[in-house]
């Protein structure tokens, strides 16, 4: 170890002895870093610069400017080369600065190369591993390079940071004043006013077991078993998302309820011919032609989205939680109906078996598997490919589960993403 590391380590050992012990186990030799030089220099790991190579301090001041000066406590995710912590600690009003390590081995390497005592020794600083916590803290700044370089232990928090940072971008298509949105809501109004409020379903299944069925690839392994359970006299209630409806029917499974929220869902996804006796729960962004053709009973509702603000005032309906995917309102419906336990099917948030969805061809419902550039851990602890928005949907479902401790949540497969807060249903998971 270097002299720089010894001096840094003494501070860490004195202030955070348990953290020091963990850092001593990190393998900094596994980080293949190169010097990247410009007006100044920085580290480059796999072509990713840790900081600016021209003016690190100016970069840190730009980053710091995005954080409110009125807050007594701030959070920084990633340690970088220590520039951002040092700049933030110039604020006299700052009482506590939490530095969350996103890559332990990388941090140890930095400790070997540069003196970090200026911020490490400041009594206002708390140093911790990001992955020791179940969620992110605000207000925060996440160093862009370390959101890419986060190690496996801290990957779950990395995913939540990325989801939060991308939130405004992801919501760009949901401008309440968009002419397309306003027209769709107007077109759907007649159907909405003719249908029942989804609130009529709430509380109708108190204590019951409910299956919530998504369209992840792992669903394909359960078609036969679900068809057999569906024929039993005493059985769980089946709630499926819109894109799972057609594959289920093709395999002899008739759902008890279908949930649809996406304006792009068409007759191809929700064929109406055999929909007699199957209630449809929807939001007003759904295609009014698809809604009108549905033969089963229909229940309308809203989400908390601003696009429904005017409708909520003029024509009150109950709300369902939406976190970007139709799986969220399907789960929320099950909870509000009174489910005592919920088993998730096809809630993979990933591309196991090198597929995107059950019952659909590669690319039919979104990007193809070949375009997947991200990963999550599956139920075996292995990496499985996914796309960025799927990780965001996973984060939001996990947050929802934490907020409903009265319901037991189960997963039917280890093939998809590991869902925090769920157990595996041993009836389906070998």
Protein backbone atom coordinates (compact mmCIF):
# COMPACT_ATOMS: atom_id res chain seq x y z
CA UNK A 1 0.00 0.00 0.00
CA UNK A 2 1.09 3.57 -0.61
CA UNK A 3 1.88 6.26 1.93
CA UNK A 4 -1.25 8.05 0.74
CA UNK A 5 -3.34 5.02 1.56
CA UNK A 6 -1.87 4.65 5.03
CA UNK A 7 -2.71 8.25 5.88
CA UNK A 8 -6.23 7.99 4.48
CA UNK A 9 -6.78 4.61 6.13
CA UNK A 10 -5.84 5.89 9.58
CA UNK A 11 -8.62 8.45 9.40
CA UNK A 12 -11.15 5.89 8.20
CA UNK A 13 -10.12 3.34 10.82
CA UNK A 14 -10.49 5.94 13.58
CA UNK A 15 -13.85 7.28 12.41
CA UNK A 16 -15.49 4.21 10.84
CA UNK A 17 -13.70 1.07 12.10
CA UNK A 18 -16.26 -1.39 10.70
CA UNK A 19 -16.16 0.30 7.31
CA UNK A 20 -12.37 0.19 7.40
CA UNK A 21 -12.49 -3.59 7.92
CA UNK A 22 -14.72 -3.99 4.87
CA UNK A 23 -12.51 -1.76 2.73
CA UNK A 24 -9.51 -3.92 3.59
CA UNK A 25 -11.26 -6.81 1.85
CA UNK A 26 -11.79 -4.90 -1.40
CA UNK A 27 -9.62 -5.93 -4.35
CA UNK A 28 -8.37 -2.68 -5.83
CA UNK A 29 -6.09 -4.65 -8.19
CA UNK A 30 -9.25 -5.71 -10.06
CA UNK A 31 -9.77 -2.09 -11.13
CA UNK A 32 -7.83 -1.55 -14.35
CA UNK A 33 -7.32 2.20 -14.32
CA UNK A 34 -5.30 4.38 -16.61
CA UNK A 35 -4.20 7.99 -16.29
CA UNK A 36 -6.19 10.30 -18.55
CA UNK A 37 -4.43 13.62 -19.04
CA UNK A 38 -5.64 17.01 -20.23
CA UNK A 39 -5.08 20.35 -18.53
CA UNK A 40 -5.06 18.21 -15.39
CA UNK A 41 -5.44 14.45 -15.04
CA UNK A 42 -7.98 11.90 -13.85
CA UNK A 43 -8.47 8.16 -13.80
CA UNK A 44 -10.04 6.28 -16.68
CA UNK A 45 -11.58 2.85 -16.03
CA UNK A 46 -12.61 0.92 -19.11
CA UNK A 47 -12.76 4.18 -21.07
CA UNK A 48 -14.91 5.92 -18.44
CA UNK A 49 -13.32 9.00 -16.94
CA UNK A 50 -13.88 9.28 -13.23
CA UNK A 51 -13.90 13.09 -13.42
CA UNK A 52 -13.03 15.89 -15.82
CA UNK A 53 -9.44 15.79 -17.07
CA UNK A 54 -9.34 19.54 -17.62
CA UNK A 55 -10.81 21.23 -14.53
CA UNK A 56 -11.99 18.86 -11.82
CA UNK A 57 -12.83 21.59 -9.30
CA UNK A 58 -14.91 23.58 -11.76
CA UNK A 59 -16.79 20.40 -12.64
CA UNK A 60 -17.41 19.78 -8.94
CA UNK A 61 -18.75 23.32 -8.51
CA UNK A 62 -21.20 22.79 -11.37
CA UNK A 63 -22.33 19.57 -9.72
CA UNK A 64 -22.64 21.23 -6.32
CA UNK A 65 -24.73 24.03 -7.80
CA UNK A 66 -27.49 21.50 -8.55
CA UNK A 67 -27.92 20.89 -4.82
CA UNK A 68 -29.93 23.31 -2.66
CA UNK A 69 -27.91 25.58 -0.40
CA UNK A 70 -30.70 25.69 2.17
CA UNK A 71 -30.47 22.01 3.15
CA UNK A 72 -28.53 21.07 6.26
CA UNK A 73 -28.00 17.51 5.05
CA UNK A 74 -26.87 16.37 1.61
CA UNK A 75 -26.02 13.05 0.00
CA UNK A 76 -23.34 12.28 -2.58
CA UNK A 77 -23.33 8.92 -4.34
CA UNK A 78 -19.86 7.98 -5.50
CA UNK A 79 -16.58 9.24 -4.09
CA UNK A 80 -14.84 10.30 -7.29
CA UNK A 81 -11.49 11.89 -6.55
CA UNK A 82 -12.91 13.80 -3.59
CA UNK A 83 -13.58 17.05 -5.44
CA UNK A 84 -17.34 17.28 -4.88
CA UNK A 85 -17.18 16.54 -1.12
CA UNK A 86 -14.52 19.21 -0.71
CA UNK A 87 -16.59 21.80 -2.59
CA UNK A 88 -19.78 21.02 -0.65
CA UNK A 89 -17.96 21.25 2.66
CA UNK A 90 -17.20 24.89 1.89
CA UNK A 91 -20.85 25.57 2.78
CA UNK A 92 -20.95 26.84 6.35
CA UNK A 93 -24.63 25.96 6.67
CA UNK A 94 -24.04 22.29 5.82
CA UNK A 95 -24.39 20.18 8.95
CA UNK A 96 -24.05 16.68 7.56
CA UNK A 97 -22.67 15.29 4.31
CA UNK A 98 -23.29 11.62 3.58
CA UNK A 99 -20.87 10.07 1.10
CA UNK A 100 -22.21 6.79 -0.29
CA UNK A 101 -19.61 4.44 -1.78
CA UNK A 102 -20.78 2.92 -5.09
CA UNK A 103 -17.64 0.92 -5.87
CA UNK A 104 -15.58 -0.23 -2.90
CA UNK A 105 -12.55 -1.41 -4.87
CA UNK A 106 -12.45 1.81 -6.86
CA UNK A 107 -12.58 3.87 -3.68
CA UNK A 108 -9.66 1.91 -2.22
CA UNK A 109 -7.67 2.59 -5.39
CA UNK A 110 -8.34 6.32 -5.05
CA UNK A 111 -7.23 6.15 -1.41
CA UNK A 112 -3.95 4.65 -2.60
CA UNK A 113 -3.34 7.41 -5.11
CA UNK A 114 -4.58 10.67 -3.58
CA UNK A 115 -4.79 12.32 -0.19
CA UNK A 116 -8.48 12.39 0.76
CA UNK A 117 -8.06 13.52 4.37
CA UNK A 118 -9.48 17.00 3.78
CA UNK A 119 -13.01 15.62 3.51
CA UNK A 120 -12.53 12.34 5.36
CA UNK A 121 -11.50 14.16 8.53
CA UNK A 122 -14.33 16.70 8.44
CA UNK A 123 -16.67 15.93 11.39
CA UNK A 124 -19.69 16.67 9.23
CA UNK A 125 -18.94 13.74 6.90
CA UNK A 126 -20.48 10.28 7.22
CA UNK A 127 -19.02 7.58 4.98
CA UNK A 128 -21.02 4.46 4.12
CA UNK A 129 -21.70 1.84 1.48
CA UNK A 130 -24.70 2.74 -0.66
CA UNK A 131 -25.82 -0.89 -0.78
CA UNK A 132 -26.27 -1.05 2.99
CA UNK A 133 -29.52 0.86 2.55
CA UNK A 134 -32.69 -0.21 0.80
CA UNK A 135 -33.35 3.06 -0.98
CA UNK A 136 -31.82 6.40 -1.92
CA UNK A 137 -31.82 9.59 0.12
CA UNK A 138 -32.50 13.11 -1.07
CA UNK A 139 -31.33 15.67 -1.91
CA UNK A 140 -28.49 13.93 -3.67
CA UNK A 141 -25.96 14.17 -6.45
CA UNK A 142 -24.83 10.94 -8.07
CA UNK A 143 -21.50 11.06 -9.88
CA UNK A 144 -22.30 9.99 -13.47
CA UNK A 145 -19.15 7.93 -13.91
CA UNK A 146 -19.79 5.88 -10.78
CA UNK A 147 -23.38 5.14 -11.71
CA UNK A 148 -21.79 3.24 -14.60
CA UNK A 149 -18.94 1.81 -12.51
CA UNK A 150 -21.04 0.74 -9.49
CA UNK A 151 -20.13 -2.72 -8.24
CA UNK A 152 -22.54 -5.59 -7.74
CA UNK A 153 -23.10 -4.94 -4.05
CA UNK A 154 -24.26 -1.40 -4.72
CA UNK A 155 -26.07 -2.12 -7.99
CA UNK A 156 -29.58 -2.00 -6.50
CA UNK A 157 -29.04 1.54 -5.25
CA UNK A 158 -27.42 2.43 -8.59
CA UNK A 159 -30.60 1.31 -10.31
CA UNK A 160 -32.71 3.55 -8.09
CA UNK A 161 -30.43 6.50 -8.68
CA UNK A 162 -30.67 6.06 -12.43
CA UNK A 163 -34.46 5.78 -12.18
CA UNK A 164 -34.69 8.97 -10.17
CA UNK A 165 -32.31 10.93 -12.39
CA UNK A 166 -34.24 9.89 -15.51
CA UNK A 167 -37.68 10.61 -14.03
CA UNK A 168 -38.34 13.95 -15.72
CA UNK A 169 -37.06 12.61 -19.04
CA UNK A 170 -39.30 9.55 -18.78
CA UNK A 171 -42.31 11.77 -18.11
CA UNK A 172 -41.74 13.92 -21.18
CA UNK A 173 -44.46 12.09 -23.12
CA UNK A 174 -47.08 12.87 -20.47
CA UNK A 175 -47.51 16.62 -20.77
CA UNK A 176 -51.05 17.45 -19.52
CA UNK A 177 -51.31 20.11 -22.23
CA UNK A 178 -50.27 17.84 -25.09
CA UNK A 179 -52.89 18.04 -27.88
CA UNK A 180 -52.62 14.28 -28.41
CA UNK A 181 -53.27 13.55 -24.74
CA UNK A 182 -56.14 16.03 -24.51
CA UNK A 183 -57.73 14.51 -27.62
CA UNK A 184 -57.39 10.94 -26.33
CA UNK A 185 -58.98 11.88 -23.00
CA UNK A 186 -61.83 13.61 -24.81
CA UNK A 187 -62.34 10.59 -27.08
CA UNK A 188 -62.44 8.23 -24.07
CA UNK A 189 -64.80 10.35 -21.96
CA UNK A 190 -68.02 8.87 -23.29
CA UNK A 191 -66.83 5.35 -22.48
CA UNK A 192 -65.57 6.39 -19.05
CA UNK A 193 -68.87 7.99 -18.07
CA UNK A 194 -70.80 4.92 -19.16
CA UNK A 195 -68.65 2.55 -17.09
CA UNK A 196 -68.41 1.80 -13.39
CA UNK A 197 -65.84 3.24 -11.01
CA UNK A 198 -62.99 0.83 -10.27
CA UNK A 199 -63.65 1.60 -6.60
CA UNK A 200 -66.55 -0.86 -6.82
CA UNK A 201 -64.00 -3.67 -6.92
CA UNK A 202 -62.15 -2.51 -3.82
CA UNK A 203 -62.61 -4.70 -0.77
CA UNK A 204 -64.37 -7.47 -2.68
CA UNK A 205 -61.68 -10.14 -2.08
CA UNK A 206 -60.74 -9.62 1.56
CA UNK A 207 -57.98 -12.01 2.63
CA UNK A 208 -58.02 -13.89 -0.67
CA UNK A 209 -55.00 -15.12 -2.59
CA UNK A 210 -54.60 -13.32 -5.93
CA UNK A 211 -52.34 -14.15 -8.86
CA UNK A 212 -51.08 -11.08 -10.74
CA UNK A 213 -49.90 -12.17 -14.15
CA UNK A 214 -47.43 -10.16 -16.24
CA UNK A 215 -45.91 -11.00 -19.60
CA UNK A 216 -42.31 -11.79 -18.70
CA UNK A 217 -40.73 -14.83 -20.37
CA UNK A 218 -40.95 -16.96 -17.21
CA UNK A 219 -44.75 -17.03 -17.64
CA UNK A 220 -44.30 -19.59 -20.41
CA UNK A 221 -43.26 -22.17 -17.84
CA UNK A 222 -46.52 -21.76 -15.93
CA UNK A 223 -49.23 -21.91 -18.62
CA UNK A 224 -50.09 -25.56 -18.01
CA UNK A 225 -50.14 -25.23 -14.23
CA UNK A 226 -52.23 -22.05 -14.34
CA UNK A 227 -54.73 -23.71 -16.68
CA UNK A 228 -55.15 -26.59 -14.21
CA UNK A 229 -55.55 -24.26 -11.23
CA UNK A 230 -58.09 -22.19 -13.16
CA UNK A 231 -60.40 -25.22 -13.33
CA UNK A 232 -60.41 -25.76 -9.55
CA UNK A 233 -63.51 -24.79 -7.58
CA UNK A 234 -61.54 -23.04 -4.85
CA UNK A 235 -58.68 -21.14 -6.37
CA UNK A 236 -56.92 -17.77 -6.36
CA UNK A 237 -58.28 -14.84 -8.38
CA UNK A 238 -56.43 -14.30 -11.70
CA UNK A 239 -55.61 -10.68 -12.61
CA UNK A 240 -53.57 -10.27 -15.80
CA UNK A 241 -52.04 -7.31 -17.60
CA UNK A 242 -53.21 -6.49 -21.11
CA UNK A 243 -50.27 -7.99 -22.99
CA UNK A 244 -50.61 -11.27 -21.06
CA UNK A 245 -54.28 -11.68 -22.04
CA UNK A 246 -53.77 -13.13 -25.52
CA UNK A 247 -51.01 -15.63 -24.56
CA UNK A 248 -53.08 -16.79 -21.58
CA UNK A 249 -56.18 -17.39 -23.72
CA UNK A 250 -54.10 -19.22 -26.31
CA UNK A 251 -53.04 -21.62 -23.55
CA UNK A 252 -56.49 -22.16 -22.14
CA UNK A 253 -56.28 -19.75 -19.22
CA UNK A 254 -59.21 -17.37 -18.75
CA UNK A 255 -58.32 -14.47 -16.43
CA UNK A 256 -60.83 -13.09 -13.93
CA UNK A 257 -59.79 -9.49 -14.56
CA UNK A 258 -57.67 -7.67 -17.14
CA UNK A 259 -55.85 -4.38 -16.46
CA UNK A 260 -54.87 -1.98 -19.25
CA UNK A 261 -53.39 1.54 -19.12
CA UNK A 262 -51.32 2.02 -22.29
CA UNK A 263 -52.62 4.17 -25.14
CA UNK A 264 -50.82 1.89 -27.63
CA UNK A 265 -52.72 -1.26 -26.67
CA UNK A 266 -54.73 -2.34 -29.69
CA UNK A 267 -57.06 -5.15 -30.75
CA UNK A 268 -53.91 -7.13 -31.48
CA UNK A 269 -53.18 -7.19 -27.76
CA UNK A 270 -56.75 -7.27 -26.46
CA UNK A 271 -58.90 -9.23 -28.92
CA UNK A 272 -62.51 -8.75 -27.81
CA UNK A 273 -64.19 -11.76 -29.40
CA UNK A 274 -64.04 -14.02 -26.33
CA UNK A 275 -64.09 -11.34 -23.65
CA UNK A 276 -67.60 -12.09 -22.36
CA UNK A 277 -67.64 -12.31 -18.57
CA UNK A 278 -64.15 -10.89 -18.15
CA UNK A 279 -64.06 -7.45 -16.47
CA UNK A 280 -61.62 -4.90 -17.87
CA UNK A 281 -60.03 -2.27 -15.61
CA UNK A 282 -58.57 0.67 -17.51
CA UNK A 283 -57.38 4.25 -17.41
CA UNK A 284 -58.76 6.86 -19.85
CA UNK A 285 -55.61 6.93 -21.99
CA UNK A 286 -56.68 3.54 -23.35
CA UNK A 287 -57.93 3.32 -26.92
CA UNK A 288 -61.69 4.04 -26.79
CA UNK A 289 -62.34 1.69 -29.73
CA UNK A 290 -60.69 -1.18 -27.87
CA UNK A 291 -62.67 -0.32 -24.74
CA UNK A 292 -66.01 -0.07 -26.55
CA UNK A 293 -65.54 -3.44 -28.21
CA UNK A 294 -64.80 -5.26 -24.95
CA UNK A 295 -67.75 -7.50 -24.08
CA UNK A 296 -67.10 -7.87 -20.37
CA UNK A 297 -67.91 -5.32 -17.70
CA UNK A 298 -65.61 -2.28 -17.64
CA UNK A 299 -64.27 -0.29 -14.72
CA UNK A 300 -62.54 3.06 -15.19
CA UNK A 301 -60.10 4.77 -12.88
CA UNK A 302 -57.23 7.22 -12.79
CA UNK A 303 -53.62 7.34 -11.75
CA UNK A 304 -52.02 10.21 -9.86
CA UNK A 305 -50.64 11.59 -13.13
CA UNK A 306 -51.27 15.30 -13.80
CA UNK A 307 -52.84 14.37 -17.14
CA UNK A 308 -55.94 13.26 -15.21
CA UNK A 309 -56.16 16.33 -12.97
CA UNK A 310 -59.11 17.96 -14.77
CA UNK A 311 -60.99 14.67 -15.20
CA UNK A 312 -60.54 13.87 -11.52
CA UNK A 313 -62.25 17.13 -10.58
CA UNK A 314 -65.07 16.88 -13.09
CA UNK A 315 -65.72 13.13 -12.96
CA UNK A 316 -64.33 11.57 -9.76
CA UNK A 317 -63.06 8.02 -9.95
CA UNK A 318 -60.77 5.99 -7.72
CA UNK A 319 -57.06 5.87 -8.37
CA UNK A 320 -54.67 3.03 -9.05
CA UNK A 321 -50.94 3.31 -8.54
CA UNK A 322 -48.86 3.54 -11.72
CA UNK A 323 -45.07 3.46 -11.66
CA UNK A 324 -44.43 3.23 -15.39
CA UNK A 325 -45.69 -0.29 -16.09
CA UNK A 326 -49.12 -1.91 -16.20
CA UNK A 327 -47.89 -4.40 -13.58
CA UNK A 328 -48.12 -1.64 -10.95
CA UNK A 329 -51.87 -0.90 -11.24
CA UNK A 330 -52.53 -4.66 -11.53
CA UNK A 331 -50.77 -5.22 -8.21
CA UNK A 332 -52.41 -2.16 -6.67
CA UNK A 333 -55.83 -3.40 -7.77
CA UNK A 334 -55.15 -6.74 -6.07
CA UNK A 335 -54.14 -4.98 -2.87
CA UNK A 336 -57.16 -2.68 -2.89
CA UNK A 337 -59.45 -5.62 -3.55
CA UNK A 338 -58.19 -6.96 -0.23
CA UNK A 339 -55.61 -9.59 -1.18
CA UNK A 340 -53.99 -11.32 1.76
CA UNK A 341 -51.21 -12.63 -0.45
CA UNK A 342 -50.19 -12.01 -4.05
CA UNK A 343 -48.14 -14.29 -6.28
CA UNK A 344 -46.50 -12.64 -9.27
CA UNK A 345 -46.21 -14.43 -12.60
CA UNK A 346 -44.16 -13.13 -15.51
CA UNK A 347 -42.97 -10.18 -13.42
CA UNK A 348 -39.42 -10.61 -14.71
CA UNK A 349 -38.28 -7.05 -15.44
CA UNK A 350 -35.60 -8.74 -17.52
CA UNK A 351 -34.98 -11.01 -20.51
CA UNK A 352 -34.43 -14.52 -19.13
CA UNK A 353 -34.20 -17.40 -21.60
CA UNK A 354 -33.03 -14.77 -24.10
CA UNK A 355 -36.64 -13.62 -24.63
CA UNK A 356 -38.42 -10.32 -24.06
CA UNK A 357 -42.00 -11.48 -23.39
CA UNK A 358 -44.05 -14.64 -23.10
CA UNK A 359 -46.17 -15.41 -26.13
CA UNK A 360 -44.77 -12.61 -28.28
CA UNK A 361 -41.97 -12.51 -30.81
CA UNK A 362 -38.71 -10.73 -30.09
CA UNK A 363 -39.28 -6.99 -30.46
CA UNK A 364 -43.09 -7.21 -30.69
CA UNK A 365 -43.65 -5.27 -27.47
CA UNK A 366 -40.53 -3.10 -27.41
CA UNK A 367 -36.78 -3.30 -28.02
CA UNK A 368 -35.33 -6.64 -29.03
CA UNK A 369 -33.13 -8.70 -26.71
CA UNK A 370 -30.09 -7.74 -28.79
CA UNK A 371 -30.56 -4.12 -27.72
CA UNK A 372 -30.38 -4.87 -23.99
CA UNK A 373 -27.40 -3.07 -22.47
CA UNK A 374 -28.18 -3.37 -18.76
CA UNK A 375 -28.60 -6.11 -16.17
CA UNK A 376 -30.24 -7.08 -12.91
CA UNK A 377 -29.72 -10.04 -10.58
CA UNK A 378 -32.09 -12.94 -11.04
CA UNK A 379 -33.43 -15.25 -8.34
CA UNK A 380 -30.26 -17.34 -8.57
CA UNK A 381 -28.03 -14.32 -8.00
CA UNK A 382 -26.84 -14.30 -11.60
CA UNK A 383 -26.85 -11.37 -13.99
CA UNK A 384 -29.68 -11.34 -16.49
CA UNK A 385 -30.03 -8.84 -19.30
CA UNK A 386 -32.62 -6.10 -19.17
CA UNK A 387 -33.35 -2.60 -20.38
CA UNK A 388 -33.22 0.63 -18.45
CA UNK A 389 -36.96 1.22 -18.09
CA UNK A 390 -37.48 -2.33 -16.78
CA UNK A 391 -35.05 -1.60 -13.95
CA UNK A 392 -37.04 1.52 -13.14
CA UNK A 393 -40.29 -0.47 -13.06
CA UNK A 394 -38.65 -2.97 -10.72
CA UNK A 395 -37.56 -0.20 -8.35
CA UNK A 396 -41.09 1.20 -8.20
CA UNK A 397 -42.65 -2.20 -7.51
CA UNK A 398 -40.17 -2.84 -4.72
CA UNK A 399 -41.02 0.51 -3.16
CA UNK A 400 -44.71 -0.33 -3.42
CA UNK A 401 -44.17 -3.67 -1.67
CA UNK A 402 -42.32 -1.95 1.20
CA UNK A 403 -45.33 0.34 1.62
CA UNK A 404 -47.77 -2.58 2.01
CA UNK A 405 -46.44 -4.83 4.78
CA UNK A 406 -49.97 -6.14 5.40
CA UNK A 407 -49.79 -8.15 2.17
CA UNK A 408 -47.49 -11.12 1.57
CA UNK A 409 -45.85 -11.01 -1.84
CA UNK A 410 -44.53 -14.08 -3.65
CA UNK A 411 -42.68 -14.63 -6.91
CA UNK A 412 -43.34 -17.68 -9.06
CA UNK A 413 -39.93 -17.83 -10.75
CA UNK A 414 -36.23 -17.36 -10.13
CA UNK A 415 -35.57 -16.72 -13.82
CA UNK A 416 -36.46 -13.02 -13.77
CA UNK A 417 -35.23 -10.19 -11.60
CA UNK A 418 -34.96 -10.76 -7.87
CA UNK A 419 -37.78 -8.64 -6.41
CA UNK A 420 -36.94 -7.28 -2.97
CA UNK A 421 -39.75 -7.87 -0.50
CA UNK A 422 -40.99 -11.07 -2.12
CA UNK A 423 -40.56 -14.72 -1.22
CA UNK A 424 -40.60 -17.56 -3.71
CA UNK A 425 -43.85 -19.49 -3.98
CA UNK A 426 -42.72 -23.07 -3.48
CA UNK A 427 -45.71 -24.39 -5.41
CA UNK A 428 -44.12 -22.99 -8.57
CA UNK A 429 -40.41 -22.56 -7.81
CA UNK A 430 -38.31 -25.70 -7.69
